């Protein structure tokens, strides 16, 4: 019963087959190969952005940090929520790769509002040369708390950024999960809503390790190339990154895998919702949920071998009914039987 992370799941056989096919013979290094050309063309088609620049890296940290470094000067602020991955889980990589840009936290939850963003941006550039200058906005989709921005919410944030002449970045580690939850197109969830750059995640949804950084304004492409090389993230055998995405994008696998993960999460939420003493931090919309469950329920689950994280509270304690918050994540491969077994053990 593996619900700790979608990073823990296996790579999809179709992706591995694509990597195996790319392993035949020789190919030009550093992205000058035929597989990369096909993947670039396919991503431009998917995003309805024929001029977009596409760059591949192996990790989400590299994707986010290098993208934001390209959009931000060292003396600027990058606006994000307090629970954004770039703030909580990147070990200050955006600050490092940007040469010192500061993260300015907006609001208190996992999704910023246009009002809070406007106030946060307006508060900067108030001290002249002594304070940080205004820089890009970064949002996470789906969020680190399982929420999803609707396209009109993204557009409203994009409008605020444009009012101040700022760029907007979308951290899409779970891009496909959010997309299928919204039943939107990639263009509608990005550049049509005001997003300038996107980290298009694939590692959490069936790939061994690849992320695409997409800039809808190709003028910044060369700067990103230089930053990626200088930062040690330009693969020589680039075709193996591209091959993962070729398999991932073929026949709509990326969307189908996300639908399966989201459906598994919905099944899990439905089963837990029917149990006494269970509530949710917020309504799950993608493939991650945060249920509050009694301590005794957690103990039964963990003693039975369930793998997940306690988000708030400690398993040790005297009160068996005290609610503790869990973080449960479903990947594309989790069987329904495992979900049903988890719920039955929780039921007791």
Protein backbone atom coordinates (compact mmCIF):
# COMPACT_ATOMS: atom_id res chain seq x y z
CA UNK A 1 0.00 0.00 0.00
CA UNK A 2 2.25 2.72 -1.35
CA UNK A 3 0.86 6.22 -0.89
CA UNK A 4 4.00 8.08 0.17
CA UNK A 5 4.72 9.76 -3.16
CA UNK A 6 4.13 9.50 -6.88
CA UNK A 7 7.93 9.70 -7.08
CA UNK A 8 8.02 6.20 -5.59
CA UNK A 9 6.05 4.57 -8.41
CA UNK A 10 7.49 2.68 -11.37
CA UNK A 11 8.25 4.06 -14.79
CA UNK A 12 5.67 3.16 -17.41
CA UNK A 13 6.69 0.30 -19.75
CA UNK A 14 5.89 2.46 -22.79
CA UNK A 15 8.41 5.04 -21.61
CA UNK A 16 11.05 2.39 -20.98
CA UNK A 17 10.41 0.95 -24.43
CA UNK A 18 10.99 4.36 -25.98
CA UNK A 19 14.28 4.67 -24.12
CA UNK A 20 15.31 1.24 -25.32
CA UNK A 21 14.48 2.17 -28.91
CA UNK A 22 16.58 5.34 -28.59
CA UNK A 23 19.49 3.23 -27.38
CA UNK A 24 20.10 1.78 -30.83
CA UNK A 25 23.17 3.08 -32.61
CA UNK A 26 24.68 6.54 -32.41
CA UNK A 27 23.13 9.98 -32.14
CA UNK A 28 24.45 13.51 -31.90
CA UNK A 29 24.84 14.68 -28.29
CA UNK A 30 23.55 17.71 -26.36
CA UNK A 31 20.11 17.76 -27.97
CA UNK A 32 21.14 17.71 -31.62
CA UNK A 33 19.43 14.37 -32.23
CA UNK A 34 16.28 13.34 -34.10
CA UNK A 35 14.37 12.26 -30.98
CA UNK A 36 14.79 15.70 -29.42
CA UNK A 37 13.63 17.36 -32.62
CA UNK A 38 10.47 15.24 -32.62
CA UNK A 39 9.75 15.90 -28.94
CA UNK A 40 10.25 19.64 -29.38
CA UNK A 41 7.83 19.67 -32.29
CA UNK A 42 5.31 17.58 -30.35
CA UNK A 43 5.39 19.84 -27.29
CA UNK A 44 4.96 22.91 -29.46
CA UNK A 45 1.96 21.22 -31.03
CA UNK A 46 0.47 20.22 -27.66
CA UNK A 47 0.84 23.75 -26.30
CA UNK A 48 -0.30 25.39 -29.57
CA UNK A 49 2.91 27.42 -29.44
CA UNK A 50 4.95 26.93 -32.62
CA UNK A 51 7.66 29.39 -31.58
CA UNK A 52 8.11 28.15 -28.00
CA UNK A 53 11.58 27.16 -26.87
CA UNK A 54 11.81 23.72 -25.26
CA UNK A 55 14.63 22.57 -22.98
CA UNK A 56 14.96 19.27 -21.12
CA UNK A 57 16.47 18.61 -17.71
CA UNK A 58 16.45 15.59 -15.43
CA UNK A 59 14.94 17.05 -12.26
CA UNK A 60 12.13 19.34 -11.18
CA UNK A 61 14.53 21.34 -9.04
CA UNK A 62 16.67 22.12 -12.08
CA UNK A 63 13.60 22.97 -14.15
CA UNK A 64 12.19 25.41 -11.61
CA UNK A 65 15.45 26.97 -10.48
CA UNK A 66 16.89 27.49 -13.95
CA UNK A 67 13.60 28.79 -15.35
CA UNK A 68 13.25 31.32 -12.53
CA UNK A 69 16.90 32.30 -12.79
CA UNK A 70 16.26 33.13 -16.43
CA UNK A 71 13.26 35.29 -15.51
CA UNK A 72 14.67 36.98 -12.39
CA UNK A 73 17.62 39.27 -11.72
CA UNK A 74 19.65 38.67 -8.52
CA UNK A 75 18.25 41.81 -6.90
CA UNK A 76 14.61 40.91 -7.53
CA UNK A 77 11.88 39.14 -5.56
CA UNK A 78 10.14 35.99 -6.83
CA UNK A 79 6.53 35.90 -5.62
CA UNK A 80 5.17 32.51 -4.48
CA UNK A 81 3.01 30.99 -1.74
CA UNK A 82 4.43 29.86 1.62
CA UNK A 83 3.88 26.20 0.67
CA UNK A 84 5.25 26.44 -2.87
CA UNK A 85 7.71 23.69 -3.69
CA UNK A 86 10.32 26.28 -4.62
CA UNK A 87 10.08 27.60 -1.06
CA UNK A 88 9.67 24.42 0.98
CA UNK A 89 11.55 21.74 -0.92
CA UNK A 90 14.23 23.14 -3.26
CA UNK A 91 17.02 23.77 -0.69
CA UNK A 92 17.21 27.42 -1.85
CA UNK A 93 18.00 26.33 -5.41
CA UNK A 94 16.10 29.26 -7.01
CA UNK A 95 18.10 31.69 -4.89
CA UNK A 96 21.33 29.88 -5.75
CA UNK A 97 20.82 29.65 -9.51
CA UNK A 98 19.49 33.19 -9.78
CA UNK A 99 22.49 34.57 -7.91
CA UNK A 100 20.48 35.75 -4.94
CA UNK A 101 16.90 36.56 -5.92
CA UNK A 102 14.64 36.57 -2.86
CA UNK A 103 11.44 34.54 -2.48
CA UNK A 104 8.59 36.83 -1.38
CA UNK A 105 5.73 34.84 0.17
CA UNK A 106 2.16 35.67 -0.86
CA UNK A 107 -0.83 34.85 1.35
CA UNK A 108 -1.06 31.94 3.76
CA UNK A 109 -2.44 28.96 1.82
CA UNK A 110 -1.42 26.89 -1.19
CA UNK A 111 -3.13 29.17 -3.74
CA UNK A 112 -2.55 32.89 -3.90
CA UNK A 113 -5.36 35.30 -4.71
CA UNK A 114 -5.06 38.25 -7.10
CA UNK A 115 -5.65 40.63 -4.19
CA UNK A 116 -2.88 39.11 -2.09
CA UNK A 117 -0.52 39.04 -5.06
CA UNK A 118 -1.22 42.68 -5.90
CA UNK A 119 -0.55 43.69 -2.29
CA UNK A 120 2.69 41.70 -2.14
CA UNK A 121 4.02 43.13 -5.40
CA UNK A 122 3.00 46.68 -4.50
CA UNK A 123 4.85 46.38 -1.19
CA UNK A 124 8.18 45.89 -2.97
CA UNK A 125 10.25 48.63 -4.66
CA UNK A 126 9.29 50.82 -1.70
CA UNK A 127 12.84 51.43 -0.46
CA UNK A 128 14.61 52.37 -3.66
CA UNK A 129 18.06 50.89 -4.04
CA UNK A 130 17.93 49.47 -0.49
CA UNK A 131 15.18 46.90 -1.06
CA UNK A 132 14.42 44.03 -3.44
CA UNK A 133 12.98 44.90 -6.81
CA UNK A 134 9.89 43.27 -8.29
CA UNK A 135 10.44 40.02 -10.14
CA UNK A 136 8.48 37.08 -11.55
CA UNK A 137 5.44 35.34 -10.09
CA UNK A 138 5.60 31.55 -9.62
CA UNK A 139 2.54 29.35 -9.06
CA UNK A 140 2.35 25.60 -8.49
CA UNK A 141 -0.12 23.50 -10.48
CA UNK A 142 -1.29 21.17 -8.95
CA UNK A 143 -0.40 22.67 -5.57
CA UNK A 144 1.55 21.05 -2.75
CA UNK A 145 -1.72 20.64 -0.84
CA UNK A 146 -3.60 18.91 -3.63
CA UNK A 147 -5.42 22.01 -4.87
CA UNK A 148 -5.79 23.16 -8.46
CA UNK A 149 -5.99 26.67 -9.87
CA UNK A 150 -8.86 27.03 -12.34
CA UNK A 151 -7.87 28.66 -15.63
CA UNK A 152 -9.70 31.87 -14.75
CA UNK A 153 -7.79 32.03 -11.46
CA UNK A 154 -4.49 31.69 -13.34
CA UNK A 155 -5.61 34.37 -15.77
CA UNK A 156 -6.46 36.72 -12.89
CA UNK A 157 -2.99 36.24 -11.41
CA UNK A 158 -1.44 36.69 -14.83
CA UNK A 159 -3.30 39.97 -15.22
CA UNK A 160 -1.84 41.24 -11.94
CA UNK A 161 1.66 40.25 -13.03
CA UNK A 162 1.23 42.03 -16.38
CA UNK A 163 -0.09 45.17 -14.66
CA UNK A 164 3.30 45.40 -12.96
CA UNK A 165 5.24 44.34 -16.07
CA UNK A 166 6.26 41.00 -14.53
CA UNK A 167 6.59 37.48 -15.92
CA UNK A 168 4.76 34.42 -14.57
CA UNK A 169 6.17 30.90 -14.14
CA UNK A 170 4.13 27.74 -13.59
CA UNK A 171 5.68 24.89 -11.64
CA UNK A 172 3.96 21.94 -13.28
CA UNK A 173 5.49 18.96 -11.48
CA UNK A 174 1.95 17.52 -11.58
CA UNK A 175 0.96 19.40 -14.72
CA UNK A 176 -0.97 16.51 -16.29
CA UNK A 177 -2.91 15.76 -13.09
CA UNK A 178 -4.10 19.37 -12.91
CA UNK A 179 -4.86 19.49 -16.62
CA UNK A 180 -7.16 16.47 -16.64
CA UNK A 181 -8.83 17.68 -13.43
CA UNK A 182 -9.73 20.90 -15.23
CA UNK A 183 -10.50 19.27 -18.59
CA UNK A 184 -8.55 22.14 -20.13
CA UNK A 185 -5.96 22.34 -22.88
CA UNK A 186 -2.28 22.97 -22.13
CA UNK A 187 -2.55 26.33 -23.88
CA UNK A 188 -5.57 27.34 -21.80
CA UNK A 189 -3.73 26.49 -18.59
CA UNK A 190 -0.55 28.34 -19.57
CA UNK A 191 0.13 31.06 -22.12
CA UNK A 192 -3.53 31.86 -22.83
CA UNK A 193 -3.87 32.59 -19.10
CA UNK A 194 -0.72 34.71 -18.97
CA UNK A 195 1.97 32.14 -18.12
CA UNK A 196 5.35 32.94 -19.69
CA UNK A 197 7.28 29.81 -18.69
CA UNK A 198 6.28 26.36 -17.51
CA UNK A 199 8.11 23.48 -15.89
CA UNK A 200 6.35 20.56 -17.56
CA UNK A 201 6.76 17.65 -15.17
CA UNK A 202 6.87 13.99 -16.20
CA UNK A 203 8.88 12.23 -13.49
CA UNK A 204 5.91 11.95 -11.10
CA UNK A 205 3.64 10.57 -13.82
CA UNK A 206 5.51 7.59 -15.24
CA UNK A 207 8.97 8.74 -16.39
CA UNK A 208 12.28 7.78 -14.77
CA UNK A 209 13.44 11.39 -14.69
CA UNK A 210 12.75 14.20 -17.16
CA UNK A 211 11.15 17.64 -17.06
CA UNK A 212 10.67 20.10 -19.93
CA UNK A 213 11.16 23.82 -19.45
CA UNK A 214 9.06 25.70 -21.99
CA UNK A 215 9.33 29.43 -22.66
CA UNK A 216 6.58 30.92 -24.77
CA UNK A 217 8.85 33.88 -25.57
CA UNK A 218 11.83 32.34 -27.41
CA UNK A 219 13.97 35.44 -26.84
CA UNK A 220 15.13 34.04 -23.50
CA UNK A 221 16.10 30.64 -24.94
CA UNK A 222 19.81 31.39 -25.28
CA UNK A 223 20.09 32.68 -21.73
CA UNK A 224 18.47 29.50 -20.45
CA UNK A 225 20.86 27.40 -22.53
CA UNK A 226 23.83 29.17 -20.97
CA UNK A 227 22.45 28.89 -17.45
CA UNK A 228 21.69 25.20 -17.91
CA UNK A 229 25.21 24.46 -19.16
CA UNK A 230 26.87 26.59 -16.49
CA UNK A 231 24.71 24.94 -13.84
CA UNK A 232 25.75 21.43 -14.87
CA UNK A 233 22.37 20.32 -16.20
CA UNK A 234 23.04 19.87 -19.92
CA UNK A 235 23.08 16.13 -20.59
CA UNK A 236 25.55 14.91 -23.19
CA UNK A 237 23.39 11.87 -24.01
CA UNK A 238 20.36 14.10 -24.27
CA UNK A 239 18.43 11.63 -26.40
CA UNK A 240 17.64 9.58 -23.28
CA UNK A 241 15.82 12.53 -21.78
CA UNK A 242 13.98 13.15 -25.04
CA UNK A 243 13.12 9.47 -25.46
CA UNK A 244 11.32 9.45 -22.12
CA UNK A 245 9.09 12.29 -23.27
CA UNK A 246 8.55 10.71 -26.67
CA UNK A 247 7.16 7.60 -25.00
CA UNK A 248 5.28 9.67 -22.43
CA UNK A 249 3.52 11.84 -24.99
CA UNK A 250 2.77 9.06 -27.49
CA UNK A 251 -0.88 8.03 -27.81
CA UNK A 252 -1.90 10.34 -24.98
CA UNK A 253 -0.13 8.22 -22.34
CA UNK A 254 0.66 11.30 -20.22
CA UNK A 255 -3.02 12.18 -19.95
CA UNK A 256 -4.18 8.62 -19.40
CA UNK A 257 -1.62 8.10 -16.62
CA UNK A 258 -2.78 11.30 -14.93
CA UNK A 259 -6.43 10.25 -15.22
CA UNK A 260 -5.61 6.92 -13.59
CA UNK A 261 -3.76 8.60 -10.73
CA UNK A 262 -6.55 11.13 -10.20
CA UNK A 263 -9.21 8.41 -10.33
CA UNK A 264 -7.28 6.38 -7.75
CA UNK A 265 -7.15 9.42 -5.48
CA UNK A 266 -10.89 10.00 -5.91
CA UNK A 267 -11.59 6.35 -5.05
CA UNK A 268 -9.42 6.60 -1.96
CA UNK A 269 -11.09 9.85 -0.88
CA UNK A 270 -14.55 8.34 -1.36
CA UNK A 271 -13.66 5.33 0.76
CA UNK A 272 -12.13 7.38 3.56
CA UNK A 273 -14.94 9.94 3.54
CA UNK A 274 -17.39 7.21 4.56
CA UNK A 275 -15.41 6.38 7.73
CA UNK A 276 -16.22 7.96 11.11
CA UNK A 277 -13.73 10.51 12.34
CA UNK A 278 -12.24 11.29 8.92
CA UNK A 279 -12.21 14.78 7.41
CA UNK A 280 -10.06 16.52 4.80
CA UNK A 281 -7.71 19.47 4.96
CA UNK A 282 -9.23 20.50 1.63
CA UNK A 283 -11.22 18.80 -1.10
CA UNK A 284 -8.80 16.79 -3.26
CA UNK A 285 -8.87 17.62 -6.98
CA UNK A 286 -5.85 15.86 -8.42
CA UNK A 287 -3.82 12.90 -7.09
CA UNK A 288 -2.96 14.07 -3.57
CA UNK A 289 -5.12 14.25 -0.46
CA UNK A 290 -4.68 15.26 3.16
CA UNK A 291 -7.15 13.36 5.39
CA UNK A 292 -7.41 13.89 9.12
CA UNK A 293 -7.82 10.46 10.75
CA UNK A 294 -7.83 9.25 14.37
CA UNK A 295 -4.48 8.12 15.76
CA UNK A 296 -5.78 4.56 16.19
CA UNK A 297 -6.59 4.43 12.48
CA UNK A 298 -3.06 5.51 11.57
CA UNK A 299 -1.62 2.89 13.86
CA UNK A 300 -3.65 0.10 12.23
CA UNK A 301 -2.60 1.23 8.78
CA UNK A 302 1.09 1.53 9.54
CA UNK A 303 1.19 -1.75 11.41
CA UNK A 304 -0.30 -3.35 8.28
CA UNK A 305 2.51 -1.90 6.16
CA UNK A 306 0.86 1.16 4.62
CA UNK A 307 3.41 3.70 3.39
CA UNK A 308 2.55 7.38 3.68
CA UNK A 309 3.60 10.51 5.55
CA UNK A 310 2.11 11.99 8.68
CA UNK A 311 1.77 15.67 7.85
CA UNK A 312 0.60 16.98 11.22
CA UNK A 313 0.76 15.23 14.58
CA UNK A 314 2.72 12.29 15.97
CA UNK A 315 1.88 8.61 16.01
CA UNK A 316 3.00 8.47 19.64
CA UNK A 317 0.37 9.69 22.04
CA UNK A 318 -2.21 8.59 24.57
CA UNK A 319 -5.44 9.66 22.84
CA UNK A 320 -6.42 7.09 20.16
CA UNK A 321 -9.10 9.44 18.81
CA UNK A 322 -6.88 12.49 18.33
CA UNK A 323 -6.98 13.44 14.62
CA UNK A 324 -3.64 13.39 12.78
CA UNK A 325 -3.27 14.65 9.22
CA UNK A 326 -1.79 12.35 6.58
CA UNK A 327 -0.42 13.09 3.13
CA UNK A 328 -1.49 10.43 0.64
CA UNK A 329 -0.42 10.48 -3.01
CA UNK A 330 -1.62 8.16 -5.77
CA UNK A 331 0.45 7.40 -8.86
CA UNK A 332 -0.65 5.95 -12.18
CA UNK A 333 0.16 2.35 -11.18
CA UNK A 334 -1.67 1.91 -7.87
CA UNK A 335 -4.21 -0.96 -8.16
CA UNK A 336 -7.80 -0.49 -7.00
CA UNK A 337 -7.35 -3.53 -4.75
CA UNK A 338 -4.64 -1.72 -2.79
CA UNK A 339 -6.88 1.29 -2.32
CA UNK A 340 -9.75 -0.87 -1.13
CA UNK A 341 -7.43 -2.76 1.25
CA UNK A 342 -6.21 0.54 2.73
CA UNK A 343 -9.78 1.66 3.35
CA UNK A 344 -10.78 -1.65 4.93
CA UNK A 345 -7.82 -1.57 7.32
CA UNK A 346 -8.64 2.03 8.20
CA UNK A 347 -12.22 0.94 8.90
CA UNK A 348 -10.95 -1.58 11.45
